[in-house]
Amino acid sequence: MNSPISCINATNVIRNREHLDPAAAFDEIAKVLFVKTWVEREMKRKRQRQNLFTADWLDSQLGEDPLQELFSQTKEAYRSDQIFDDRERLNLKPATGRAIVQLLSANNLSDTSEDVK
């Protein structure tokens, strides 16, 4: 079951670690939620069982910021919807992104109603 508390906790992690104002923290959590939704849809589409939206998966990747790479792929997937600017990035340190992923990974946005999202 998806928990709104996880999103609230994730927003608090962003505000505390990145020292962002509430609006900026909300923007960052929204980007991460788009990533999570895209990953879940791709997993379902490809019938893939390995979840890419976990702290363990992030830790296993090469490069400085695998969550940023997932965000780039998410932006590309939503390009026709014009949700994100091409230059837009996640404004989170990799450790903050990992902590957010860890908080949200147990929730499945694909099973959540549109009203909750």
PDB file of N, CA and C in Angstrom:
ATOM      1  N   MET A   1       0.837  -1.174   0.000  1.00  0.00           N
ATOM      2  CA  MET A   1       0.000   0.000   0.000  1.00  0.00           C
ATOM      3  C   MET A   1       0.882   1.237   0.000  1.00  0.00           C
ATOM      4  N   ASN A   2       0.460   2.246  -0.741  1.00  0.00           N
ATOM      5  CA  ASN A   2       1.223   3.472  -0.835  1.00  0.00           C
ATOM      6  C   ASN A   2       0.931   4.365   0.363  1.00  0.00           C
ATOM      7  N   SER A   3       1.935   4.970   0.913  1.00  0.00           N
ATOM      8  CA  SER A   3       1.766   5.778   2.112  1.00  0.00           C
ATOM      9  C   SER A   3       2.099   7.241   1.836  1.00  0.00           C
ATOM     10  N   PRO A   4       1.130   8.160   2.052  1.00  0.00           N
ATOM     11  CA  PRO A   4       1.441   9.574   1.899  1.00  0.00           C
ATOM     12  C   PRO A   4       2.496  10.027   2.909  1.00  0.00           C
ATOM     13  N   ILE A   5       2.606   9.306   4.018  1.00  0.00           N
ATOM     14  CA  ILE A   5       3.619   9.634   5.029  1.00  0.00           C
ATOM     15  C   ILE A   5       5.015   9.513   4.433  1.00  0.00           C
ATOM     16  N   SER A   6       5.241   8.530   3.561  1.00  0.00           N
ATOM     17  CA  SER A   6       6.545   8.371   2.916  1.00  0.00           C
ATOM     18  C   SER A   6       6.911   9.607   2.113  1.00  0.00           C
ATOM     19  N   CYS A   7       5.943  10.167   1.402  1.00  0.00           N
ATOM     20  CA  CYS A   7       6.200  11.382   0.624  1.00  0.00           C
ATOM     21  C   CYS A   7       6.495  12.566   1.531  1.00  0.00           C
ATOM     22  N   ILE A   8       5.769  12.667   2.627  1.00  0.00           N
ATOM     23  CA  ILE A   8       6.020  13.746   3.583  1.00  0.00           C
ATOM     24  C   ILE A   8       7.412  13.592   4.177  1.00  0.00           C
ATOM     25  N   ASN A   9       7.765  12.378   4.577  1.00  0.00           N
ATOM     26  CA  ASN A   9       9.099  12.129   5.124  1.00  0.00           C
ATOM     27  C   ASN A   9      10.177  12.431   4.093  1.00  0.00           C
ATOM     28  N   ALA A  10       9.928  12.054   2.830  1.00  0.00           N
ATOM     29  CA  ALA A  10      10.901  12.312   1.768  1.00  0.00           C
ATOM     30  C   ALA A  10      11.092  13.809   1.568  1.00  0.00           C
ATOM     31  N   THR A  11      10.005  14.566   1.606  1.00  0.00           N
ATOM     32  CA  THR A  11      10.108  16.020   1.474  1.00  0.00           C
ATOM     33  C   THR A  11      10.895  16.599   2.637  1.00  0.00           C
ATOM     34  N   ASN A  12      10.676  16.089   3.831  1.00  0.00           N
ATOM     35  CA  ASN A  12      11.440  16.557   5.000  1.00  0.00           C
ATOM     36  C   ASN A  12      12.922  16.233   4.859  1.00  0.00           C
ATOM     37  N   VAL A  13      13.248  15.066   4.329  1.00  0.00           N
ATOM     38  CA  VAL A  13      14.658  14.711   4.102  1.00  0.00           C
ATOM     39  C   VAL A  13      15.300  15.721   3.149  1.00  0.00           C
ATOM     40  N   ILE A  14      14.590  16.056   2.087  1.00  0.00           N
ATOM     41  CA  ILE A  14      15.120  17.032   1.126  1.00  0.00           C
ATOM     42  C   ILE A  14      15.322  18.388   1.803  1.00  0.00           C
ATOM     43  N   ARG A  15      14.328  18.833   2.541  1.00  0.00           N
ATOM     44  CA  ARG A  15      14.443  20.149   3.197  1.00  0.00           C
ATOM     45  C   ARG A  15      15.594  20.164   4.200  1.00  0.00           C
ATOM     46  N   ASN A  16      15.740  19.091   4.977  1.00  0.00           N
ATOM     47  CA  ASN A  16      16.785  19.045   6.002  1.00  0.00           C
ATOM     48  C   ASN A  16      18.182  18.893   5.416  1.00  0.00           C
ATOM     49  N   ARG A  17      18.330  18.047   4.417  1.00  0.00           N
ATOM     50  CA  ARG A  17      19.665  17.788   3.860  1.00  0.00           C
ATOM     51  C   ARG A  17      20.109  18.843   2.850  1.00  0.00           C
ATOM     52  N   GLU A  18      19.171  19.324   2.056  1.00  0.00           N
ATOM     53  CA  GLU A  18      19.514  20.260   0.983  1.00  0.00           C
ATOM     54  C   GLU A  18      19.215  21.709   1.346  1.00  0.00           C
ATOM     55  N   HIS A  19      18.535  21.916   2.471  1.00  0.00           N
ATOM     56  CA  HIS A  19      18.195  23.258   2.953  1.00  0.00           C
ATOM     57  C   HIS A  19      17.406  24.043   1.908  1.00  0.00           C
ATOM     58  N   LEU A  20      16.434  23.371   1.305  1.00  0.00           N
ATOM     59  CA  LEU A  20      15.579  24.002   0.309  1.00  0.00           C
ATOM     60  C   LEU A  20      14.295  24.508   0.960  1.00  0.00           C
ATOM     61  N   ASP A  21      13.741  25.559   0.379  1.00  0.00           N
ATOM     62  CA  ASP A  21      12.457  26.040   0.880  1.00  0.00           C
ATOM     63  C   ASP A  21      11.380  25.020   0.497  1.00  0.00           C
ATOM     64  N   PRO A  22      10.201  25.106   1.101  1.00  0.00           N
ATOM     65  CA  PRO A  22       9.164  24.093   0.847  1.00  0.00           C
ATOM     66  C   PRO A  22       8.796  23.929  -0.629  1.00  0.00           C
ATOM     67  N   ALA A  23       8.721  25.020  -1.368  1.00  0.00           N
ATOM     68  CA  ALA A  23       8.353  24.923  -2.793  1.00  0.00           C
ATOM     69  C   ALA A  23       9.431  24.194  -3.587  1.00  0.00           C
ATOM     70  N   ALA A  24      10.686  24.501  -3.325  1.00  0.00           N
ATOM     71  CA  ALA A  24      11.784  23.840  -4.036  1.00  0.00           C
ATOM     72  C   ALA A  24      11.860  22.364  -3.647  1.00  0.00           C
ATOM     73  N   ALA A  25      11.638  22.050  -2.377  1.00  0.00           N
ATOM     74  CA  ALA A  25      11.641  20.648  -1.933  1.00  0.00           C
ATOM     75  C   ALA A  25      10.513  19.879  -2.616  1.00  0.00           C
ATOM     76  N   PHE A  26       9.346  20.511  -2.739  1.00  0.00           N
ATOM     77  CA  PHE A  26       8.222  19.877  -3.421  1.00  0.00           C
ATOM     78  C   PHE A  26       8.566  19.600  -4.883  1.00  0.00           C
ATOM     79  N   ASP A  27       9.210  20.556  -5.551  1.00  0.00           N
ATOM     80  CA  ASP A  27       9.617  20.347  -6.946  1.00  0.00           C
ATOM     81  C   ASP A  27      10.533  19.137  -7.077  1.00  0.00           C
ATOM     82  N   GLU A  28      11.458  18.999  -6.153  1.00  0.00           N
ATOM     83  CA  GLU A  28      12.404  17.877  -6.223  1.00  0.00           C
ATOM     84  C   GLU A  28      11.713  16.545  -5.960  1.00  0.00           C
ATOM     85  N   ILE A  29      10.818  16.498  -4.972  1.00  0.00           N
ATOM     86  CA  ILE A  29      10.122  15.240  -4.705  1.00  0.00           C
ATOM     87  C   ILE A  29       9.228  14.891  -5.883  1.00  0.00           C
ATOM     88  N   ALA A  30       8.640  15.886  -6.530  1.00  0.00           N
ATOM     89  CA  ALA A  30       7.808  15.620  -7.708  1.00  0.00           C
ATOM     90  C   ALA A  30       8.637  14.976  -8.815  1.00  0.00           C
ATOM     91  N   LYS A  31       9.849  15.464  -9.034  1.00  0.00           N
ATOM     92  CA  LYS A  31      10.727  14.870 -10.056  1.00  0.00           C
ATOM     93  C   LYS A  31      11.026  13.413  -9.719  1.00  0.00           C
ATOM     94  N   VAL A  32      11.335  13.157  -8.457  1.00  0.00           N
ATOM     95  CA  VAL A  32      11.659  11.790  -8.039  1.00  0.00           C
ATOM     96  C   VAL A  32      10.434  10.882  -8.206  1.00  0.00           C
ATOM     97  N   LEU A  33       9.249  11.401  -7.918  1.00  0.00           N
ATOM     98  CA  LEU A  33       8.034  10.599  -8.097  1.00  0.00           C
ATOM     99  C   LEU A  33       7.776  10.300  -9.575  1.00  0.00           C
ATOM    100  N   PHE A  34       8.105  11.235 -10.456  1.00  0.00           N
ATOM    101  CA  PHE A  34       8.006  10.956 -11.892  1.00  0.00           C
ATOM    102  C   PHE A  34       8.973   9.843 -12.276  1.00  0.00           C
ATOM    103  N   VAL A  35      10.188   9.881 -11.720  1.00  0.00           N
ATOM    104  CA  VAL A  35      11.157   8.814 -11.990  1.00  0.00           C
ATOM    105  C   VAL A  35      10.595   7.473 -11.535  1.00  0.00           C
ATOM    106  N   LYS A  36      10.082   7.441 -10.327  1.00  0.00           N
ATOM    107  CA  LYS A  36       9.544   6.199  -9.780  1.00  0.00           C
ATOM    108  C   LYS A  36       8.407   5.670 -10.649  1.00  0.00           C
ATOM    109  N   THR A  37       7.502   6.541 -11.055  1.00  0.00           N
ATOM    110  CA  THR A  37       6.393   6.128 -11.909  1.00  0.00           C
ATOM    111  C   THR A  37       6.894   5.583 -13.235  1.00  0.00           C
ATOM    112  N   TRP A  38       7.855   6.271 -13.838  1.00  0.00           N
ATOM    113  CA  TRP A  38       8.409   5.808 -15.115  1.00  0.00           C
ATOM    114  C   TRP A  38       9.075   4.437 -14.961  1.00  0.00           C
ATOM    115  N   VAL A  39       9.870   4.265 -13.903  1.00  0.00           N
ATOM    116  CA  VAL A  39      10.537   2.976 -13.668  1.00  0.00           C
ATOM    117  C   VAL A  39       9.497   1.867 -13.522  1.00  0.00           C
ATOM    118  N   GLU A  40       8.458   2.107 -12.740  1.00  0.00           N
ATOM    119  CA  GLU A  40       7.418   1.083 -12.545  1.00  0.00           C
ATOM    120  C   GLU A  40       6.721   0.739 -13.861  1.00  0.00           C
ATOM    121  N   ARG A  41       6.423   1.750 -14.664  1.00  0.00           N
ATOM    122  CA  ARG A  41       5.771   1.495 -15.960  1.00  0.00           C
ATOM    123  C   ARG A  41       6.690   0.706 -16.895  1.00  0.00           C
ATOM    124  N   GLU A  42       7.961   1.059 -16.902  1.00  0.00           N
ATOM    125  CA  GLU A  42       8.922   0.338 -17.746  1.00  0.00           C
ATOM    126  C   GLU A  42       9.079  -1.111 -17.294  1.00  0.00           C
ATOM    127  N   MET A  43       9.122  -1.312 -15.980  1.00  0.00           N
ATOM    128  CA  MET A  43       9.233  -2.680 -15.464  1.00  0.00           C
ATOM    129  C   MET A  43       8.022  -3.500 -15.898  1.00  0.00           C
ATOM    130  N   LYS A  44       6.848  -2.908 -15.789  1.00  0.00           N
ATOM    131  CA  LYS A  44       5.625  -3.614 -16.170  1.00  0.00           C
ATOM    132  C   LYS A  44       5.609  -3.885 -17.669  1.00  0.00           C
ATOM    133  N   ARG A  45       5.975  -2.883 -18.459  1.00  0.00           N
ATOM    134  CA  ARG A  45       5.984  -3.021 -19.915  1.00  0.00           C
ATOM    135  C   ARG A  45       6.952  -4.106 -20.371  1.00  0.00           C
ATOM    136  N   LYS A  46       8.108  -4.152 -19.747  1.00  0.00           N
ATOM    137  CA  LYS A  46       9.147  -5.121 -20.132  1.00  0.00           C
ATOM    138  C   LYS A  46       9.048  -6.423 -19.343  1.00  0.00           C
ATOM    139  N   ARG A  47       8.048  -6.501 -18.474  1.00  0.00           N
ATOM    140  CA  ARG A  47       7.876  -7.678 -17.610  1.00  0.00           C
ATOM    141  C   ARG A  47       9.167  -8.000 -16.855  1.00  0.00           C
ATOM    142  N   GLN A  48       9.748  -6.959 -16.332  1.00  0.00           N
ATOM    143  CA  GLN A  48      11.015  -7.078 -15.605  1.00  0.00           C
ATOM    144  C   GLN A  48      10.741  -7.137 -14.119  1.00  0.00           C
ATOM    145  N   ARG A  49      11.430  -7.996 -13.454  1.00  0.00           N
ATOM    146  CA  ARG A  49      11.222  -8.151 -12.014  1.00  0.00           C
ATOM    147  C   ARG A  49      12.202  -7.335 -11.179  1.00  0.00           C
ATOM    148  N   GLN A  50      13.391  -7.076 -11.703  1.00  0.00           N
ATOM    149  CA  GLN A  50      14.369  -6.319 -10.925  1.00  0.00           C
ATOM    150  C   GLN A  50      13.946  -4.857 -10.860  1.00  0.00           C
ATOM    151  N   ASN A  51      13.694  -4.375  -9.661  1.00  0.00           N
ATOM    152  CA  ASN A  51      13.282  -2.996  -9.462  1.00  0.00           C
ATOM    153  C   ASN A  51      14.502  -2.090  -9.507  1.00  0.00           C
ATOM    154  N   LEU A  52      14.465  -1.112 -10.412  1.00  0.00           N
ATOM    155  CA  LEU A  52      15.566  -0.166 -10.521  1.00  0.00           C
ATOM    156  C   LEU A  52      15.426   0.985  -9.535  1.00  0.00           C
ATOM    157  N   PHE A  53      14.279   1.062  -8.876  1.00  0.00           N
ATOM    158  CA  PHE A  53      14.051   2.161  -7.950  1.00  0.00           C
ATOM    159  C   PHE A  53      14.252   1.679  -6.521  1.00  0.00           C
ATOM    160  N   THR A  54      15.484   1.265  -6.230  1.00  0.00           N
ATOM    161  CA  THR A  54      15.859   0.850  -4.877  1.00  0.00           C
ATOM    162  C   THR A  54      17.235   1.424  -4.551  1.00  0.00           C
ATOM    163  N   ALA A  55      17.503   1.589  -3.279  1.00  0.00           N
ATOM    164  CA  ALA A  55      18.819   2.066  -2.854  1.00  0.00           C
ATOM    165  C   ALA A  55      19.892   1.050  -3.243  1.00  0.00           C
ATOM    166  N   ASP A  56      19.585  -0.243  -3.133  1.00  0.00           N
ATOM    167  CA  ASP A  56      20.561  -1.278  -3.506  1.00  0.00           C
ATOM    168  C   ASP A  56      20.933  -1.177  -4.980  1.00  0.00           C
ATOM    169  N   TRP A  57      19.931  -0.952  -5.840  1.00  0.00           N
ATOM    170  CA  TRP A  57      20.220  -0.828  -7.276  1.00  0.00           C
ATOM    171  C   TRP A  57      21.096   0.394  -7.516  1.00  0.00           C
ATOM    172  N   LEU A  58      20.751   1.527  -6.892  1.00  0.00           N
ATOM    173  CA  LEU A  58      21.563   2.735  -7.059  1.00  0.00           C
ATOM    174  C   LEU A  58      23.003   2.477  -6.637  1.00  0.00           C
ATOM    175  N   ASP A  59      23.169   1.773  -5.499  1.00  0.00           N
ATOM    176  CA  ASP A  59      24.515   1.479  -4.987  1.00  0.00           C
ATOM    177  C   ASP A  59      25.315   0.591  -5.932  1.00  0.00           C
ATOM    178  N   SER A  60      24.637  -0.212  -6.726  1.00  0.00           N
ATOM    179  CA  SER A  60      25.334  -1.160  -7.605  1.00  0.00           C
ATOM    180  C   SER A  60      25.763  -0.537  -8.931  1.00  0.00           C
ATOM    181  N   GLN A  61      25.366   0.697  -9.190  1.00  0.00           N
ATOM    182  CA  GLN A  61      25.651   1.332 -10.475  1.00  0.00           C
ATOM    183  C   GLN A  61      26.976   2.076 -10.469  1.00  0.00           C
ATOM    184  N   LEU A  62      27.576   2.145 -11.648  1.00  0.00           N
ATOM    185  CA  LEU A  62      28.774   2.944 -11.824  1.00  0.00           C
ATOM    186  C   LEU A  62      28.367   4.391 -12.054  1.00  0.00           C
ATOM    187  N   GLY A  63      29.267   5.286 -11.822  1.00  0.00           N
ATOM    188  CA  GLY A  63      28.970   6.699 -12.032  1.00  0.00           C
ATOM    189  C   GLY A  63      28.614   7.378 -10.736  1.00  0.00           C
ATOM    190  N   GLU A  64      28.625   8.691 -10.798  1.00  0.00           N
ATOM    191  CA  GLU A  64      28.421   9.487  -9.598  1.00  0.00           C
ATOM    192  C   GLU A  64      26.974   9.554  -9.133  1.00  0.00           C
ATOM    193  N   ASP A  65      26.021   9.565 -10.092  1.00  0.00           N
ATOM    194  CA  ASP A  65      24.643   9.835  -9.708  1.00  0.00           C
ATOM    195  C   ASP A  65      23.653   9.069 -10.592  1.00  0.00           C
ATOM    196  N   PRO A  66      23.448   7.785 -10.308  1.00  0.00           N
ATOM    197  CA  PRO A  66      22.538   6.988 -11.140  1.00  0.00           C
ATOM    198  C   PRO A  66      21.092   7.477 -11.118  1.00  0.00           C
ATOM    199  N   LEU A  67      20.667   8.135 -10.037  1.00  0.00           N
ATOM    200  CA  LEU A  67      19.308   8.666 -10.000  1.00  0.00           C
ATOM    201  C   LEU A  67      19.165   9.790 -11.027  1.00  0.00           C
ATOM    202  N   GLN A  68      20.207  10.576 -11.209  1.00  0.00           N
ATOM    203  CA  GLN A  68      20.196  11.627 -12.230  1.00  0.00           C
ATOM    204  C   GLN A  68      20.034  11.004 -13.623  1.00  0.00           C
ATOM    205  N   GLU A  69      20.689   9.879 -13.839  1.00  0.00           N
ATOM    206  CA  GLU A  69      20.557   9.176 -15.122  1.00  0.00           C
ATOM    207  C   GLU A  69      19.128   8.680 -15.312  1.00  0.00           C
ATOM    208  N   LEU A  70      18.523   8.136 -14.260  1.00  0.00           N
ATOM    209  CA  LEU A  70      17.119   7.717 -14.366  1.00  0.00           C
ATOM    210  C   LEU A  70      16.219   8.917 -14.645  1.00  0.00           C
ATOM    211  N   PHE A  71      16.545  10.062 -14.060  1.00  0.00           N
ATOM    212  CA  PHE A  71      15.754  11.263 -14.333  1.00  0.00           C
ATOM    213  C   PHE A  71      15.888  11.678 -15.799  1.00  0.00           C
ATOM    214  N   SER A  72      17.087  11.571 -16.350  1.00  0.00           N
ATOM    215  CA  SER A  72      17.283  11.885 -17.774  1.00  0.00           C
ATOM    216  C   SER A  72      16.432  10.979 -18.655  1.00  0.00           C
ATOM    217  N   GLN A  73      16.394   9.713 -18.323  1.00  0.00           N
ATOM    218  CA  GLN A  73      15.575   8.767 -19.077  1.00  0.00           C
ATOM    219  C   GLN A  73      14.084   9.080 -18.906  1.00  0.00           C
ATOM    220  N   THR A  74      13.703   9.487 -17.715  1.00  0.00           N
ATOM    221  CA  THR A  74      12.312   9.860 -17.443  1.00  0.00           C
ATOM    222  C   THR A  74      11.927  11.086 -18.260  1.00  0.00           C
ATOM    223  N   LYS A  75      12.789  12.093 -18.288  1.00  0.00           N
ATOM    224  CA  LYS A  75      12.512  13.296 -19.086  1.00  0.00           C
ATOM    225  C   LYS A  75      12.296  12.931 -20.544  1.00  0.00           C
ATOM    226  N   GLU A  76      13.132  12.046 -21.038  1.00  0.00           N
ATOM    227  CA  GLU A  76      13.004  11.618 -22.440  1.00  0.00           C
ATOM    228  C   GLU A  76      11.674  10.908 -22.662  1.00  0.00           C
ATOM    229  N   ALA A  77      11.282  10.070 -21.725  1.00  0.00           N
ATOM    230  CA  ALA A  77      10.026   9.328 -21.852  1.00  0.00           C
ATOM    231  C   ALA A  77       8.815  10.268 -21.855  1.00  0.00           C
ATOM    232  N   TYR A  78       8.901  11.368 -21.141  1.00  0.00           N
ATOM    233  CA  TYR A  78       7.799  12.323 -21.050  1.00  0.00           C
ATOM    234  C   TYR A  78       7.998  13.542 -21.963  1.00  0.00           C
ATOM    235  N   ARG A  79       8.950  13.456 -22.876  1.00  0.00           N
ATOM    236  CA  ARG A  79       9.283  14.596 -23.741  1.00  0.00           C
ATOM    237  C   ARG A  79       8.058  15.148 -24.460  1.00  0.00           C
ATOM    238  N   SER A  80       7.236  14.285 -25.024  1.00  0.00           N
ATOM    239  CA  SER A  80       6.078  14.753 -25.791  1.00  0.00           C
ATOM    240  C   SER A  80       5.046  15.455 -24.904  1.00  0.00           C
ATOM    241  N   ASP A  81       5.061  15.182 -23.605  1.00  0.00           N
ATOM    242  CA  ASP A  81       4.146  15.846 -22.673  1.00  0.00           C
ATOM    243  C   ASP A  81       4.657  17.223 -22.238  1.00  0.00           C
ATOM    244  N   GLN A  82       5.898  17.527 -22.569  1.00  0.00           N
ATOM    245  CA  GLN A  82       6.531  18.812 -22.245  1.00  0.00           C
ATOM    246  C   GLN A  82       6.419  19.168 -20.758  1.00  0.00           C
ATOM    247  N   ILE A  83       6.696  18.183 -19.928  1.00  0.00           N
ATOM    248  CA  ILE A  83       6.643  18.388 -18.476  1.00  0.00           C
ATOM    249  C   ILE A  83       7.934  19.028 -17.973  1.00  0.00           C
ATOM    250  N   PHE A  84       9.044  18.580 -18.532  1.00  0.00           N
ATOM    251  CA  PHE A  84      10.348  19.041 -18.067  1.00  0.00           C
ATOM    252  C   PHE A  84      11.080  19.781 -19.175  1.00  0.00           C
ATOM    253  N   ASP A  85      11.835  20.778 -18.773  1.00  0.00           N
ATOM    254  CA  ASP A  85      12.733  21.475 -19.679  1.00  0.00           C
ATOM    255  C   ASP A  85      13.931  20.562 -19.946  1.00  0.00           C
ATOM    256  N   ASP A  86      14.498  20.635 -21.126  1.00  0.00           N
ATOM    257  CA  ASP A  86      15.644  19.782 -21.474  1.00  0.00           C
ATOM    258  C   ASP A  86      16.821  19.963 -20.515  1.00  0.00           C
ATOM    259  N   ARG A  87      16.979  21.149 -19.975  1.00  0.00           N
ATOM    260  CA  ARG A  87      18.123  21.434 -19.084  1.00  0.00           C
ATOM    261  C   ARG A  87      17.836  21.094 -17.626  1.00  0.00           C
ATOM    262  N   GLU A  88      16.603  20.729 -17.330  1.00  0.00           N
ATOM    263  CA  GLU A  88      16.223  20.459 -15.943  1.00  0.00           C
ATOM    264  C   GLU A  88      16.971  19.240 -15.389  1.00  0.00           C
ATOM    265  N   ARG A  89      17.384  19.359 -14.138  1.00  0.00           N
ATOM    266  CA  ARG A  89      18.111  18.299 -13.445  1.00  0.00           C
ATOM    267  C   ARG A  89      17.514  18.105 -12.064  1.00  0.00           C
ATOM    268  N   LEU A  90      17.846  16.970 -11.465  1.00  0.00           N
ATOM    269  CA  LEU A  90      17.551  16.787 -10.044  1.00  0.00           C
ATOM    270  C   LEU A  90      18.547  17.643  -9.274  1.00  0.00           C
ATOM    271  N   ASN A  91      18.054  18.435  -8.369  1.00  0.00           N
ATOM    272  CA  ASN A  91      18.930  19.298  -7.570  1.00  0.00           C
ATOM    273  C   ASN A  91      19.119  18.699  -6.190  1.00  0.00           C
ATOM    274  N   LEU A  92      19.595  17.458  -6.191  1.00  0.00           N
ATOM    275  CA  LEU A  92      19.827  16.717  -4.958  1.00  0.00           C
ATOM    276  C   LEU A  92      21.213  16.102  -4.991  1.00  0.00           C
ATOM    277  N   LYS A  93      21.851  16.086  -3.837  1.00  0.00           N
ATOM    278  CA  LYS A  93      23.100  15.343  -3.723  1.00  0.00           C
ATOM    279  C   LYS A  93      22.772  13.859  -3.878  1.00  0.00           C
ATOM    280  N   PRO A  94      23.696  13.058  -4.430  1.00  0.00           N
ATOM    281  CA  PRO A  94      23.423  11.625  -4.587  1.00  0.00           C
ATOM    282  C   PRO A  94      22.984  10.948  -3.286  1.00  0.00           C
ATOM    283  N   ALA A  95      23.570  11.311  -2.162  1.00  0.00           N
ATOM    284  CA  ALA A  95      23.190  10.688  -0.884  1.00  0.00           C
ATOM    285  C   ALA A  95      21.754  11.038  -0.500  1.00  0.00           C
ATOM    286  N   THR A  96      21.323  12.245  -0.806  1.00  0.00           N
ATOM    287  CA  THR A  96      19.942  12.639  -0.528  1.00  0.00           C
ATOM    288  C   THR A  96      18.996  11.865  -1.435  1.00  0.00           C
ATOM    289  N   GLY A  97      19.345  11.765  -2.717  1.00  0.00           N
ATOM    290  CA  GLY A  97      18.533  10.999  -3.655  1.00  0.00           C
ATOM    291  C   GLY A  97      18.391   9.557  -3.215  1.00  0.00           C
ATOM    292  N   ARG A  98      19.489   8.977  -2.742  1.00  0.00           N
ATOM    293  CA  ARG A  98      19.451   7.588  -2.267  1.00  0.00           C
ATOM    294  C   ARG A  98      18.506   7.451  -1.083  1.00  0.00           C
ATOM    295  N   ALA A  99      18.572   8.402  -0.143  1.00  0.00           N
ATOM    296  CA  ALA A  99      17.702   8.353   1.035  1.00  0.00           C
ATOM    297  C   ALA A  99      16.232   8.458   0.624  1.00  0.00           C
ATOM    298  N   ILE A 100      15.938   9.285  -0.357  1.00  0.00           N
ATOM    299  CA  ILE A 100      14.565   9.438  -0.847  1.00  0.00           C
ATOM    300  C   ILE A 100      14.101   8.147  -1.501  1.00  0.00           C
ATOM    301  N   VAL A 101      14.943   7.576  -2.333  1.00  0.00           N
ATOM    302  CA  VAL A 101      14.602   6.303  -2.989  1.00  0.00           C
ATOM    303  C   VAL A 101      14.342   5.233  -1.943  1.00  0.00           C
ATOM    304  N   GLN A 102      15.162   5.190  -0.921  1.00  0.00           N
ATOM    305  CA  GLN A 102      14.981   4.194   0.135  1.00  0.00           C
ATOM    306  C   GLN A 102      13.624   4.361   0.821  1.00  0.00           C
ATOM    307  N   LEU A 103      13.208   5.595   1.052  1.00  0.00           N
ATOM    308  CA  LEU A 103      11.908   5.847   1.692  1.00  0.00           C
ATOM    309  C   LEU A 103      10.733   5.466   0.787  1.00  0.00           C
ATOM    310  N   LEU A 104      10.876   5.704  -0.512  1.00  0.00           N
ATOM    311  CA  LEU A 104       9.762   5.521  -1.437  1.00  0.00           C
ATOM    312  C   LEU A 104       9.720   4.168  -2.120  1.00  0.00           C
ATOM    313  N   SER A 105      10.806   3.405  -2.054  1.00  0.00           N
ATOM    314  CA  SER A 105      10.897   2.178  -2.855  1.00  0.00           C
ATOM    315  C   SER A 105       9.858   1.122  -2.489  1.00  0.00           C
ATOM    316  N   ALA A 106       9.392   1.102  -1.260  1.00  0.00           N
ATOM    317  CA  ALA A 106       8.417   0.088  -0.851  1.00  0.00           C
ATOM    318  C   ALA A 106       7.019   0.378  -1.394  1.00  0.00           C
ATOM    319  N   ASN A 107       6.774   1.611  -1.796  1.00  0.00           N
ATOM    320  CA  ASN A 107       5.462   2.005  -2.311  1.00  0.00           C
ATOM    321  C   ASN A 107       5.389   1.769  -3.811  1.00  0.00           C
ATOM    322  N   ASN A 108       4.209   1.410  -4.285  1.00  0.00           N
ATOM    323  CA  ASN A 108       4.005   1.195  -5.710  1.00  0.00           C
ATOM    324  C   ASN A 108       3.026   2.232  -6.224  1.00  0.00           C
ATOM    325  N   LEU A 109       3.527   3.174  -7.014  1.00  0.00           N
ATOM    326  CA  LEU A 109       2.662   4.219  -7.552  1.00  0.00           C
ATOM    327  C   LEU A 109       1.737   3.681  -8.636  1.00  0.00           C
ATOM    328  N   SER A 110       2.116   2.591  -9.263  1.00  0.00           N
ATOM    329  CA  SER A 110       1.271   1.997 -10.296  1.00  0.00           C
ATOM    330  C   SER A 110      -0.037   1.483  -9.709  1.00  0.00           C
ATOM    331  N   ASP A 111      -0.021   1.119  -8.444  1.00  0.00           N
ATOM    332  CA  ASP A 111      -1.220   0.603  -7.779  1.00  0.00           C
ATOM    333  C   ASP A 111      -2.017   1.697  -7.066  1.00  0.00           C
ATOM    334  N   THR A 112      -1.574   2.946  -7.223  1.00  0.00           N
ATOM    335  CA  THR A 112      -2.202   4.056  -6.529  1.00  0.00           C
ATOM    336  C   THR A 112      -3.176   4.751  -7.462  1.00  0.00           C
ATOM    337  N   SER A 113      -4.322   5.134  -6.944  1.00  0.00           N
ATOM    338  CA  SER A 113      -5.313   5.828  -7.777  1.00  0.00           C
ATOM    339  C   SER A 113      -4.772   7.182  -8.217  1.00  0.00           C
ATOM    340  N   GLU A 114      -5.297   7.670  -9.315  1.00  0.00           N
ATOM    341  CA  GLU A 114      -4.881   8.981  -9.846  1.00  0.00           C
ATOM    342  C   GLU A 114      -5.193  10.089  -8.852  1.00  0.00           C
ATOM    343  N   ASP A 115      -6.280   9.953  -8.076  1.00  0.00           N
ATOM    344  CA  ASP A 115      -6.640  10.990  -7.110  1.00  0.00           C
ATOM    345  C   ASP A 115      -5.568  11.154  -6.041  1.00  0.00           C
ATOM    346  N   VAL A 116      -4.989  10.046  -5.609  1.00  0.00           N
ATOM    347  CA  VAL A 116      -3.935  10.113  -4.588  1.00  0.00           C
ATOM    348  C   VAL A 116      -2.682  10.750  -5.170  1.00  0.00           C
ATOM    349  N   LYS A 117      -2.330  10.354  -6.408  1.00  0.00           N
ATOM    350  CA  LYS A 117      -1.146  10.923  -7.050  1.00  0.00           C
ATOM    351  C   LYS A 117      -1.329  12.412  -7.225  1.00  0.00           C
TER     352      LYS A 117
END
